[in-house]
Structure formats: structure tokens, C-alpha cells
């Protein structure tokens, strides 16, 4: 999703890059200033062993995509819950209450 939002990627393919990548929090965004402009960095040491970097516009695109994905997930969950509510428990007898 980061690449789809316009972030670019650089592999940590040297010992110096790997060491530098380890200094950033994994799987979290950080913002650095480069030439008076914010640069958004996302360190991914486990999946790709790489650093994603992008602009404020890329970050805004990513946030919008994540928002849309959350909406889709919530709609799917609601649909699943509605399907489950339609289940006929009658033939199974007894109450189906969670055991705590």
C-alpha cells in the first residue's frame, strides 16, 4: 500500500544501510527535514529489509487509502455479523452463550 500511495523504496543492501535502518522504529512513520521539506520514512526491516520514503502528499494518499480500507473492513464485518444473526439456532437446541 505504501508503494501504491507513491512512496519509493530503497533496499538495505549494505551493512551501513542495515545499521541505519535499525536506528529507526520498525513499521512506524517518522518525519525528517531534508532541504526544508518533510520526508516521511517507514522502516521495514522484517518484510522487505527496506526503507520507504515519500512526501507529505504520499503520506496523505496513504492515510486516505488506509481510511478506505478500514471502511471496507467494517462493512465486511457488518455483513458477516448480519449473516450470523440469520442463523437458525432452533435445530441445535439449548442456548449458545459464550462460556466465560
PDB file of N, CA and C in Angstrom:
ATOM      1  N   UNK A   1       0.823  -1.187   0.000  1.00  0.00           N
ATOM      2  CA  UNK A   1       0.000   0.000   0.000  1.00  0.00           C
ATOM      3  C   UNK A   1       0.873   1.258   0.000  1.00  0.00           C
ATOM      4  N   UNK A   2       2.037   1.173   0.626  1.00  0.00           N
ATOM      5  CA  UNK A   2       2.948   2.314   0.625  1.00  0.00           C
ATOM      6  C   UNK A   2       3.374   2.664  -0.800  1.00  0.00           C
ATOM      7  N   UNK A   3       3.741   1.661  -1.575  1.00  0.00           N
ATOM      8  CA  UNK A   3       4.153   1.902  -2.956  1.00  0.00           C
ATOM      9  C   UNK A   3       2.989   2.468  -3.772  1.00  0.00           C
ATOM     10  N   UNK A   4       1.786   1.953  -3.547  1.00  0.00           N
ATOM     11  CA  UNK A   4       0.614   2.448  -4.263  1.00  0.00           C
ATOM     12  C   UNK A   4       0.322   3.904  -3.918  1.00  0.00           C
ATOM     13  N   UNK A   5       0.696   4.335  -2.712  1.00  0.00           N
ATOM     14  CA  UNK A   5       0.491   5.721  -2.293  1.00  0.00           C
ATOM     15  C   UNK A   5       1.571   6.651  -2.840  1.00  0.00           C
ATOM     16  N   UNK A   6       2.564   6.081  -3.513  1.00  0.00           N
ATOM     17  CA  UNK A   6       3.607   6.899  -4.117  1.00  0.00           C
ATOM     18  C   UNK A   6       4.935   6.886  -3.392  1.00  0.00           C
ATOM     19  N   UNK A   7       5.026   6.128  -2.298  1.00  0.00           N
ATOM     20  CA  UNK A   7       6.309   6.042  -1.595  1.00  0.00           C
ATOM     21  C   UNK A   7       7.303   5.282  -2.462  1.00  0.00           C
ATOM     22  N   UNK A   8       8.545   5.690  -2.379  1.00  0.00           N
ATOM     23  CA  UNK A   8       9.631   4.993  -3.072  1.00  0.00           C
ATOM     24  C   UNK A   8      10.321   4.097  -2.062  1.00  0.00           C
ATOM     25  N   UNK A   9      11.077   3.160  -2.557  1.00  0.00           N
ATOM     26  CA  UNK A   9      11.711   2.181  -1.675  1.00  0.00           C
ATOM     27  C   UNK A   9      13.193   2.076  -1.992  1.00  0.00           C
ATOM     28  N   UNK A  10      13.964   1.897  -0.942  1.00  0.00           N
ATOM     29  CA  UNK A  10      15.398   1.612  -1.083  1.00  0.00           C
ATOM     30  C   UNK A  10      15.716   0.420  -0.195  1.00  0.00           C
ATOM     31  N   UNK A  11      16.378  -0.554  -0.782  1.00  0.00           N
ATOM     32  CA  UNK A  11      16.751  -1.759  -0.042  1.00  0.00           C
ATOM     33  C   UNK A  11      17.920  -1.483   0.889  1.00  0.00           C
ATOM     34  N   UNK A  12      17.877  -2.115   2.041  1.00  0.00           N
ATOM     35  CA  UNK A  12      19.008  -2.072   2.964  1.00  0.00           C
ATOM     36  C   UNK A  12      19.956  -3.193   2.542  1.00  0.00           C
ATOM     37  N   UNK A  13      20.754  -2.912   1.512  1.00  0.00           N
ATOM     38  CA  UNK A  13      21.571  -3.945   0.884  1.00  0.00           C
ATOM     39  C   UNK A  13      23.061  -3.827   1.198  1.00  0.00           C
ATOM     40  N   UNK A  14      23.395  -2.999   2.168  1.00  0.00           N
ATOM     41  CA  UNK A  14      24.779  -2.915   2.636  1.00  0.00           C
ATOM     42  C   UNK A  14      24.747  -2.918   4.165  1.00  0.00           C
ATOM     43  N   UNK A  15      25.839  -3.290   4.790  1.00  0.00           N
ATOM     44  CA  UNK A  15      25.865  -3.266   6.255  1.00  0.00           C
ATOM     45  C   UNK A  15      25.563  -1.876   6.832  1.00  0.00           C
ATOM     46  N   UNK A  16      26.028  -0.819   6.181  1.00  0.00           N
ATOM     47  CA  UNK A  16      25.754   0.540   6.663  1.00  0.00           C
ATOM     48  C   UNK A  16      24.267   0.867   6.592  1.00  0.00           C
ATOM     49  N   UNK A  17      23.618   0.462   5.511  1.00  0.00           N
ATOM     50  CA  UNK A  17      22.183   0.720   5.375  1.00  0.00           C
ATOM     51  C   UNK A  17      21.376  -0.084   6.390  1.00  0.00           C
ATOM     52  N   UNK A  18      21.785  -1.330   6.616  1.00  0.00           N
ATOM     53  CA  UNK A  18      21.101  -2.166   7.615  1.00  0.00           C
ATOM     54  C   UNK A  18      21.231  -1.528   8.989  1.00  0.00           C
ATOM     55  N   UNK A  19      22.412  -1.065   9.332  1.00  0.00           N
ATOM     56  CA  UNK A  19      22.632  -0.415  10.627  1.00  0.00           C
ATOM     57  C   UNK A  19      21.793   0.855  10.740  1.00  0.00           C
ATOM     58  N   UNK A  20      21.723   1.630   9.681  1.00  0.00           N
ATOM     59  CA  UNK A  20      20.937   2.857   9.675  1.00  0.00           C
ATOM     60  C   UNK A  20      19.445   2.545   9.813  1.00  0.00           C
ATOM     61  N   UNK A  21      18.989   1.506   9.124  1.00  0.00           N
ATOM     62  CA  UNK A  21      17.586   1.099   9.193  1.00  0.00           C
ATOM     63  C   UNK A  21      17.198   0.698  10.612  1.00  0.00           C
ATOM     64  N   UNK A  22      18.118   0.042  11.314  1.00  0.00           N
ATOM     65  CA  UNK A  22      17.855  -0.411  12.681  1.00  0.00           C
ATOM     66  C   UNK A  22      17.712   0.740  13.670  1.00  0.00           C
ATOM     67  N   UNK A  23      18.176   1.924  13.294  1.00  0.00           N
ATOM     68  CA  UNK A  23      18.059   3.090  14.176  1.00  0.00           C
ATOM     69  C   UNK A  23      16.655   3.695  14.147  1.00  0.00           C
ATOM     70  N   UNK A  24      15.865   3.326  13.132  1.00  0.00           N
ATOM     71  CA  UNK A  24      14.500   3.838  13.019  1.00  0.00           C
ATOM     72  C   UNK A  24      13.526   2.858  13.668  1.00  0.00           C
ATOM     73  N   UNK A  25      12.411   3.364  14.183  1.00  0.00           N
ATOM     74  CA  UNK A  25      11.421   2.437  14.752  1.00  0.00           C
ATOM     75  C   UNK A  25      10.812   1.575  13.642  1.00  0.00           C
ATOM     76  N   UNK A  26      10.775   0.262  13.829  1.00  0.00           N
ATOM     77  CA  UNK A  26      10.255  -0.602  12.774  1.00  0.00           C
ATOM     78  C   UNK A  26       8.749  -0.439  12.586  1.00  0.00           C
ATOM     79  N   UNK A  27       8.339  -0.426  11.328  1.00  0.00           N
ATOM     80  CA  UNK A  27       6.928  -0.399  10.949  1.00  0.00           C
ATOM     81  C   UNK A  27       6.173   0.802  11.512  1.00  0.00           C
ATOM     82  N   UNK A  28       6.859   1.931  11.567  1.00  0.00           N
ATOM     83  CA  UNK A  28       6.248   3.184  12.007  1.00  0.00           C
ATOM     84  C   UNK A  28       6.789   4.319  11.143  1.00  0.00           C
ATOM     85  N   UNK A  29       5.970   5.337  10.990  1.00  0.00           N
ATOM     86  CA  UNK A  29       6.419   6.507  10.247  1.00  0.00           C
ATOM     87  C   UNK A  29       7.228   7.432  11.138  1.00  0.00           C
ATOM     88  N   UNK A  30       8.262   8.004  10.566  1.00  0.00           N
ATOM     89  CA  UNK A  30       8.987   9.111  11.180  1.00  0.00           C
ATOM     90  C   UNK A  30       9.087  10.204  10.121  1.00  0.00           C
ATOM     91  N   UNK A  31       9.237  11.427  10.586  1.00  0.00           N
ATOM     92  CA  UNK A  31       9.346  12.554   9.662  1.00  0.00           C
ATOM     93  C   UNK A  31      10.679  13.233   9.906  1.00  0.00           C
ATOM     94  N   UNK A  32      11.405  13.435   8.829  1.00  0.00           N
ATOM     95  CA  UNK A  32      12.686  14.127   8.877  1.00  0.00           C
ATOM     96  C   UNK A  32      12.602  15.353   7.970  1.00  0.00           C
ATOM     97  N   UNK A  33      13.437  16.307   8.224  1.00  0.00           N
ATOM     98  CA  UNK A  33      13.506  17.507   7.391  1.00  0.00           C
ATOM     99  C   UNK A  33      14.694  17.357   6.445  1.00  0.00           C
ATOM    100  N   UNK A  34      14.424  17.511   5.166  1.00  0.00           N
ATOM    101  CA  UNK A  34      15.506  17.442   4.183  1.00  0.00           C
ATOM    102  C   UNK A  34      15.315  18.603   3.210  1.00  0.00           C
ATOM    103  N   UNK A  35      16.232  19.546   3.261  1.00  0.00           N
ATOM    104  CA  UNK A  35      16.155  20.713   2.385  1.00  0.00           C
ATOM    105  C   UNK A  35      14.931  21.574   2.640  1.00  0.00           C
ATOM    106  N   UNK A  36      14.497  21.643   3.902  1.00  0.00           N
ATOM    107  CA  UNK A  36      13.339  22.446   4.261  1.00  0.00           C
ATOM    108  C   UNK A  36      12.006  21.777   3.979  1.00  0.00           C
ATOM    109  N   UNK A  37      12.023  20.539   3.535  1.00  0.00           N
ATOM    110  CA  UNK A  37      10.803  19.801   3.219  1.00  0.00           C
ATOM    111  C   UNK A  37      10.702  18.555   4.105  1.00  0.00           C
ATOM    112  N   UNK A  38       9.488  18.210   4.537  1.00  0.00           N
ATOM    113  CA  UNK A  38       9.345  16.978   5.313  1.00  0.00           C
ATOM    114  C   UNK A  38       9.491  15.750   4.412  1.00  0.00           C
ATOM    115  N   UNK A  39      10.216  14.774   4.912  1.00  0.00           N
ATOM    116  CA  UNK A  39      10.360  13.488   4.237  1.00  0.00           C
ATOM    117  C   UNK A  39       9.845  12.427   5.206  1.00  0.00           C
ATOM    118  N   UNK A  40       8.881  11.654   4.748  1.00  0.00           N
ATOM    119  CA  UNK A  40       8.284  10.611   5.575  1.00  0.00           C
ATOM    120  C   UNK A  40       9.032   9.312   5.335  1.00  0.00           C
ATOM    121  N   UNK A  41       9.499   8.706   6.411  1.00  0.00           N
ATOM    122  CA  UNK A  41      10.271   7.475   6.350  1.00  0.00           C
ATOM    123  C   UNK A  41       9.502   6.359   7.044  1.00  0.00           C
ATOM    124  N   UNK A  42       9.564   5.171   6.471  1.00  0.00           N
ATOM    125  CA  UNK A  42       8.935   3.991   7.051  1.00  0.00           C
ATOM    126  C   UNK A  42       9.923   2.845   6.936  1.00  0.00           C
ATOM    127  N   UNK A  43      10.449   2.420   8.071  1.00  0.00           N
ATOM    128  CA  UNK A  43      11.440   1.348   8.095  1.00  0.00           C
ATOM    129  C   UNK A  43      10.738  -0.003   8.153  1.00  0.00           C
ATOM    130  N   UNK A  44      11.099  -0.884   7.241  1.00  0.00           N
ATOM    131  CA  UNK A  44      10.540  -2.231   7.205  1.00  0.00           C
ATOM    132  C   UNK A  44      11.689  -3.250   7.226  1.00  0.00           C
ATOM    133  N   UNK A  45      12.225  -3.521   8.415  1.00  0.00           N
ATOM    134  CA  UNK A  45      13.360  -4.428   8.495  1.00  0.00           C
ATOM    135  C   UNK A  45      12.986  -5.908   8.374  1.00  0.00           C
ATOM    136  N   UNK A  46      11.697  -6.245   8.556  1.00  0.00           N
ATOM    137  CA  UNK A  46      11.333  -7.659   8.593  1.00  0.00           C
ATOM    138  C   UNK A  46      10.763  -8.189   7.290  1.00  0.00           C
ATOM    139  N   UNK A  47       9.936  -7.429   6.597  1.00  0.00           N
ATOM    140  CA  UNK A  47       9.288  -7.936   5.385  1.00  0.00           C
ATOM    141  C   UNK A  47      10.186  -7.760   4.163  1.00  0.00           C
ATOM    142  N   UNK A  48      10.609  -6.529   3.909  1.00  0.00           N
ATOM    143  CA  UNK A  48      11.410  -6.295   2.694  1.00  0.00           C
ATOM    144  C   UNK A  48      12.862  -5.921   3.007  1.00  0.00           C
ATOM    145  N   UNK A  49      13.170  -5.626   4.275  1.00  0.00           N
ATOM    146  CA  UNK A  49      14.518  -5.164   4.582  1.00  0.00           C
ATOM    147  C   UNK A  49      14.817  -3.893   3.823  1.00  0.00           C
ATOM    148  N   UNK A  50      13.887  -2.924   3.948  1.00  0.00           N
ATOM    149  CA  UNK A  50      13.995  -1.729   3.133  1.00  0.00           C
ATOM    150  C   UNK A  50      13.483  -0.500   3.880  1.00  0.00           C
ATOM    151  N   UNK A  51      13.670   0.643   3.234  1.00  0.00           N
ATOM    152  CA  UNK A  51      13.203   1.921   3.744  1.00  0.00           C
ATOM    153  C   UNK A  51      12.296   2.544   2.690  1.00  0.00           C
ATOM    154  N   UNK A  52      11.065   2.820   3.074  1.00  0.00           N
ATOM    155  CA  UNK A  52      10.155   3.569   2.205  1.00  0.00           C
ATOM    156  C   UNK A  52      10.319   5.042   2.540  1.00  0.00           C
ATOM    157  N   UNK A  53      10.274   5.895   1.526  1.00  0.00           N
ATOM    158  CA  UNK A  53      10.369   7.330   1.774  1.00  0.00           C
ATOM    159  C   UNK A  53       9.449   8.061   0.809  1.00  0.00           C
ATOM    160  N   UNK A  54       8.897   9.166   1.296  1.00  0.00           N
ATOM    161  CA  UNK A  54       7.980   9.905   0.450  1.00  0.00           C
ATOM    162  C   UNK A  54       7.687  11.285   0.975  1.00  0.00           C
ATOM    163  N   UNK A  55       6.827  11.967   0.245  1.00  0.00           N
ATOM    164  CA  UNK A  55       6.465  13.347   0.541  1.00  0.00           C
ATOM    165  C   UNK A  55       5.216  13.408   1.415  1.00  0.00           C
ATOM    166  N   UNK A  56       4.862  14.625   1.765  1.00  0.00           N
ATOM    167  CA  UNK A  56       3.650  14.836   2.538  1.00  0.00           C
ATOM    168  C   UNK A  56       2.421  14.376   1.732  1.00  0.00           C
ATOM    169  N   UNK A  57       2.439  14.593   0.416  1.00  0.00           N
ATOM    170  CA  UNK A  57       1.340  14.122  -0.440  1.00  0.00           C
ATOM    171  C   UNK A  57       1.249  12.598  -0.436  1.00  0.00           C
ATOM    172  N   UNK A  58       2.401  11.923  -0.480  1.00  0.00           N
ATOM    173  CA  UNK A  58       2.399  10.456  -0.420  1.00  0.00           C
ATOM    174  C   UNK A  58       1.795   9.980   0.890  1.00  0.00           C
ATOM    175  N   UNK A  59       2.159  10.658   1.977  1.00  0.00           N
ATOM    176  CA  UNK A  59       1.637  10.277   3.292  1.00  0.00           C
ATOM    177  C   UNK A  59       0.129  10.500   3.348  1.00  0.00           C
ATOM    178  N   UNK A  60      -0.353  11.611   2.804  1.00  0.00           N
ATOM    179  CA  UNK A  60      -1.792  11.885   2.773  1.00  0.00           C
ATOM    180  C   UNK A  60      -2.514  10.826   1.931  1.00  0.00           C
ATOM    181  N   UNK A  61      -1.932  10.441   0.801  1.00  0.00           N
ATOM    182  CA  UNK A  61      -2.513   9.373  -0.025  1.00  0.00           C
ATOM    183  C   UNK A  61      -2.605   8.069   0.761  1.00  0.00           C
ATOM    184  N   UNK A  62      -1.539   7.748   1.470  1.00  0.00           N
ATOM    185  CA  UNK A  62      -1.505   6.522   2.273  1.00  0.00           C
ATOM    186  C   UNK A  62      -2.600   6.546   3.352  1.00  0.00           C
ATOM    187  N   UNK A  63      -2.722   7.678   4.037  1.00  0.00           N
ATOM    188  CA  UNK A  63      -3.748   7.784   5.080  1.00  0.00           C
ATOM    189  C   UNK A  63      -5.140   7.608   4.483  1.00  0.00           C
ATOM    190  N   UNK A  64      -5.387   8.186   3.321  1.00  0.00           N
ATOM    191  CA  UNK A  64      -6.691   8.052   2.663  1.00  0.00           C
ATOM    192  C   UNK A  64      -6.947   6.597   2.279  1.00  0.00           C
ATOM    193  N   UNK A  65      -5.926   5.930   1.764  1.00  0.00           N
ATOM    194  CA  UNK A  65      -6.074   4.523   1.396  1.00  0.00           C
ATOM    195  C   UNK A  65      -6.362   3.665   2.622  1.00  0.00           C
ATOM    196  N   UNK A  66      -5.691   3.944   3.729  1.00  0.00           N
ATOM    197  CA  UNK A  66      -5.918   3.190   4.962  1.00  0.00           C
ATOM    198  C   UNK A  66      -7.334   3.435   5.484  1.00  0.00           C
ATOM    199  N   UNK A  67      -7.808   4.678   5.397  1.00  0.00           N
ATOM    200  CA  UNK A  67      -9.164   5.005   5.818  1.00  0.00           C
ATOM    201  C   UNK A  67     -10.170   4.213   4.988  1.00  0.00           C
ATOM    202  N   UNK A  68      -9.967   4.202   3.681  1.00  0.00           N
ATOM    203  CA  UNK A  68     -10.864   3.457   2.798  1.00  0.00           C
ATOM    204  C   UNK A  68     -10.837   1.961   3.122  1.00  0.00           C
ATOM    205  N   UNK A  69      -9.652   1.430   3.417  1.00  0.00           N
ATOM    206  CA  UNK A  69      -9.532   0.012   3.750  1.00  0.00           C
ATOM    207  C   UNK A  69     -10.262  -0.302   5.051  1.00  0.00           C
ATOM    208  N   UNK A  70     -10.176   0.587   6.032  1.00  0.00           N
ATOM    209  CA  UNK A  70     -10.896   0.383   7.289  1.00  0.00           C
ATOM    210  C   UNK A  70     -12.406   0.365   7.048  1.00  0.00           C
ATOM    211  N   UNK A  71     -12.890   1.254   6.179  1.00  0.00           N
ATOM    212  CA  UNK A  71     -14.317   1.271   5.866  1.00  0.00           C
ATOM    213  C   UNK A  71     -14.748  -0.049   5.235  1.00  0.00           C
ATOM    214  N   UNK A  72     -13.962  -0.545   4.303  1.00  0.00           N
ATOM    215  CA  UNK A  72     -14.275  -1.816   3.656  1.00  0.00           C
ATOM    216  C   UNK A  72     -14.283  -2.940   4.690  1.00  0.00           C
ATOM    217  N   UNK A  73     -13.291  -2.959   5.563  1.00  0.00           N
ATOM    218  CA  UNK A  73     -13.224  -3.999   6.595  1.00  0.00           C
ATOM    219  C   UNK A  73     -14.444  -3.945   7.510  1.00  0.00           C
ATOM    220  N   UNK A  74     -14.855  -2.735   7.907  1.00  0.00           N
ATOM    221  CA  UNK A  74     -16.026  -2.590   8.770  1.00  0.00           C
ATOM    222  C   UNK A  74     -17.293  -3.048   8.055  1.00  0.00           C
ATOM    223  N   UNK A  75     -17.403  -2.732   6.773  1.00  0.00           N
ATOM    224  CA  UNK A  75     -18.575  -3.166   6.011  1.00  0.00           C
ATOM    225  C   UNK A  75     -18.609  -4.687   5.895  1.00  0.00           C
ATOM    226  N   UNK A  76     -17.464  -5.295   5.683  1.00  0.00           N
ATOM    227  CA  UNK A  76     -17.400  -6.751   5.600  1.00  0.00           C
ATOM    228  C   UNK A  76     -17.767  -7.383   6.939  1.00  0.00           C
ATOM    229  N   UNK A  77     -17.278  -6.798   8.034  1.00  0.00           N
ATOM    230  CA  UNK A  77     -17.581  -7.323   9.363  1.00  0.00           C
ATOM    231  C   UNK A  77     -19.077  -7.208   9.651  1.00  0.00           C
ATOM    232  N   UNK A  78     -19.670  -6.079   9.282  1.00  0.00           N
ATOM    233  CA  UNK A  78     -21.103  -5.886   9.480  1.00  0.00           C
ATOM    234  C   UNK A  78     -21.891  -6.910   8.678  1.00  0.00           C
ATOM    235  N   UNK A  79     -21.495  -7.135   7.446  1.00  0.00           N
ATOM    236  CA  UNK A  79     -22.173  -8.125   6.608  1.00  0.00           C
ATOM    237  C   UNK A  79     -22.061  -9.515   7.216  1.00  0.00           C
ATOM    238  N   UNK A  80     -20.889  -9.866   7.724  1.00  0.00           N
ATOM    239  CA  UNK A  80     -20.698 -11.169   8.354  1.00  0.00           C
ATOM    240  C   UNK A  80     -21.566 -11.307   9.596  1.00  0.00           C
ATOM    241  N   UNK A  81     -21.634 -10.254  10.393  1.00  0.00           N
ATOM    242  CA  UNK A  81     -22.453 -10.290  11.603  1.00  0.00           C
ATOM    243  C   UNK A  81     -23.930 -10.429  11.247  1.00  0.00           C
ATOM    244  N   UNK A  82     -24.367  -9.738  10.216  1.00  0.00           N
ATOM    245  CA  UNK A  82     -25.758  -9.846   9.787  1.00  0.00           C
ATOM    246  C   UNK A  82     -26.077 -11.248   9.297  1.00  0.00           C
ATOM    247  N   UNK A  83     -25.141 -11.882   8.608  1.00  0.00           N
ATOM    248  CA  UNK A  83     -25.340 -13.250   8.154  1.00  0.00           C
ATOM    249  C   UNK A  83     -25.427 -14.197   9.340  1.00  0.00           C
ATOM    250  N   UNK A  84     -24.598 -13.960  10.342  1.00  0.00           N
ATOM    251  CA  UNK A  84     -24.607 -14.823  11.518  1.00  0.00           C
ATOM    252  C   UNK A  84     -25.912 -14.682  12.288  1.00  0.00           C
ATOM    253  N   UNK A  85     -26.480 -13.458  12.320  1.00  0.00           N
ATOM    254  CA  UNK A  85     -27.731 -13.247  13.031  1.00  0.00           C
ATOM    255  C   UNK A  85     -28.870 -14.005  12.366  1.00  0.00           C
ATOM    256  N   UNK A  86     -28.749 -14.312  11.091  1.00  0.00           N
ATOM    257  CA  UNK A  86     -29.805 -15.006  10.373  1.00  0.00           C
ATOM    258  C   UNK A  86     -29.753 -16.514  10.613  1.00  0.00           C
ATOM    259  N   UNK A  87     -28.745 -17.013  11.289  1.00  0.00           N
ATOM    260  CA  UNK A  87     -28.601 -18.437  11.552  1.00  0.00           C
ATOM    261  C   UNK A  87     -29.742 -18.925  12.436  1.00  0.00           C
ATOM    262  N   UNK A  88     -30.327 -20.050  12.078  1.00  0.00           N
ATOM    263  CA  UNK A  88     -31.419 -20.643  12.851  1.00  0.00           C
ATOM    264  C   UNK A  88     -30.835 -21.580  13.897  1.00  0.00           C
ATOM    265  N   UNK A  89     -30.848 -21.151  15.137  1.00  0.00           N
ATOM    266  CA  UNK A  89     -30.300 -21.952  16.232  1.00  0.00           C
ATOM    267  C   UNK A  89     -31.259 -23.049  16.686  1.00  0.00           C
ATOM    268  N   UNK A  90     -32.535 -22.961  16.301  1.00  0.00           N
ATOM    269  CA  UNK A  90     -33.561 -23.877  16.775  1.00  0.00           C
ATOM    270  C   UNK A  90     -33.206 -25.346  16.710  1.00  0.00           C
ATOM    271  N   UNK A  91     -32.772 -25.845  15.566  1.00  0.00           N
ATOM    272  CA  UNK A  91     -32.486 -27.273  15.471  1.00  0.00           C
ATOM    273  C   UNK A  91     -31.341 -27.738  16.378  1.00  0.00           C
ATOM    274  N   UNK A  92     -30.550 -26.819  16.842  1.00  0.00           N
ATOM    275  CA  UNK A  92     -29.385 -27.175  17.650  1.00  0.00           C
ATOM    276  C   UNK A  92     -29.709 -27.260  19.138  1.00  0.00           C
ATOM    277  N   UNK A  93     -30.881 -26.798  19.531  1.00  0.00           N
ATOM    278  CA  UNK A  93     -31.291 -26.855  20.940  1.00  0.00           C
ATOM    279  C   UNK A  93     -30.471 -25.921  21.804  1.00  0.00           C
ATOM    280  N   UNK A  94     -30.836 -25.833  23.060  1.00  0.00           N
ATOM    281  CA  UNK A  94     -30.126 -25.084  24.084  1.00  0.00           C
ATOM    282  C   UNK A  94     -29.562 -23.732  23.667  1.00  0.00           C
ATOM    283  N   UNK A  95     -29.295 -22.887  24.608  1.00  0.00           N
ATOM    284  CA  UNK A  95     -28.725 -21.581  24.289  1.00  0.00           C
ATOM    285  C   UNK A  95     -27.254 -21.701  23.874  1.00  0.00           C
ATOM    286  N   UNK A  96     -26.870 -20.836  22.965  1.00  0.00           N
ATOM    287  CA  UNK A  96     -25.480 -20.754  22.538  1.00  0.00           C
ATOM    288  C   UNK A  96     -24.873 -19.514  23.174  1.00  0.00           C
ATOM    289  N   UNK A  97     -24.524 -19.597  24.402  1.00  0.00           N
ATOM    290  CA  UNK A  97     -23.945 -18.465  25.122  1.00  0.00           C
ATOM    291  C   UNK A  97     -22.474 -18.747  25.327  1.00  0.00           C
ATOM    292  N   UNK A  98     -21.626 -17.738  25.171  1.00  0.00           N
ATOM    293  CA  UNK A  98     -20.188 -17.950  25.404  1.00  0.00           C
ATOM    294  C   UNK A  98     -19.923 -18.388  26.852  1.00  0.00           C
ATOM    295  N   UNK A  99     -19.014 -19.270  27.020  1.00  0.00           N
ATOM    296  CA  UNK A  99     -18.594 -19.733  28.363  1.00  0.00           C
ATOM    297  C   UNK A  99     -17.425 -18.867  28.806  1.00  0.00           C
ATOM    298  N   UNK A 100     -17.597 -18.155  29.896  1.00  0.00           N
ATOM    299  CA  UNK A 100     -16.515 -17.296  30.410  1.00  0.00           C
ATOM    300  C   UNK A 100     -15.898 -17.885  31.626  1.00  0.00           C
TER     301      UNK A 100
END
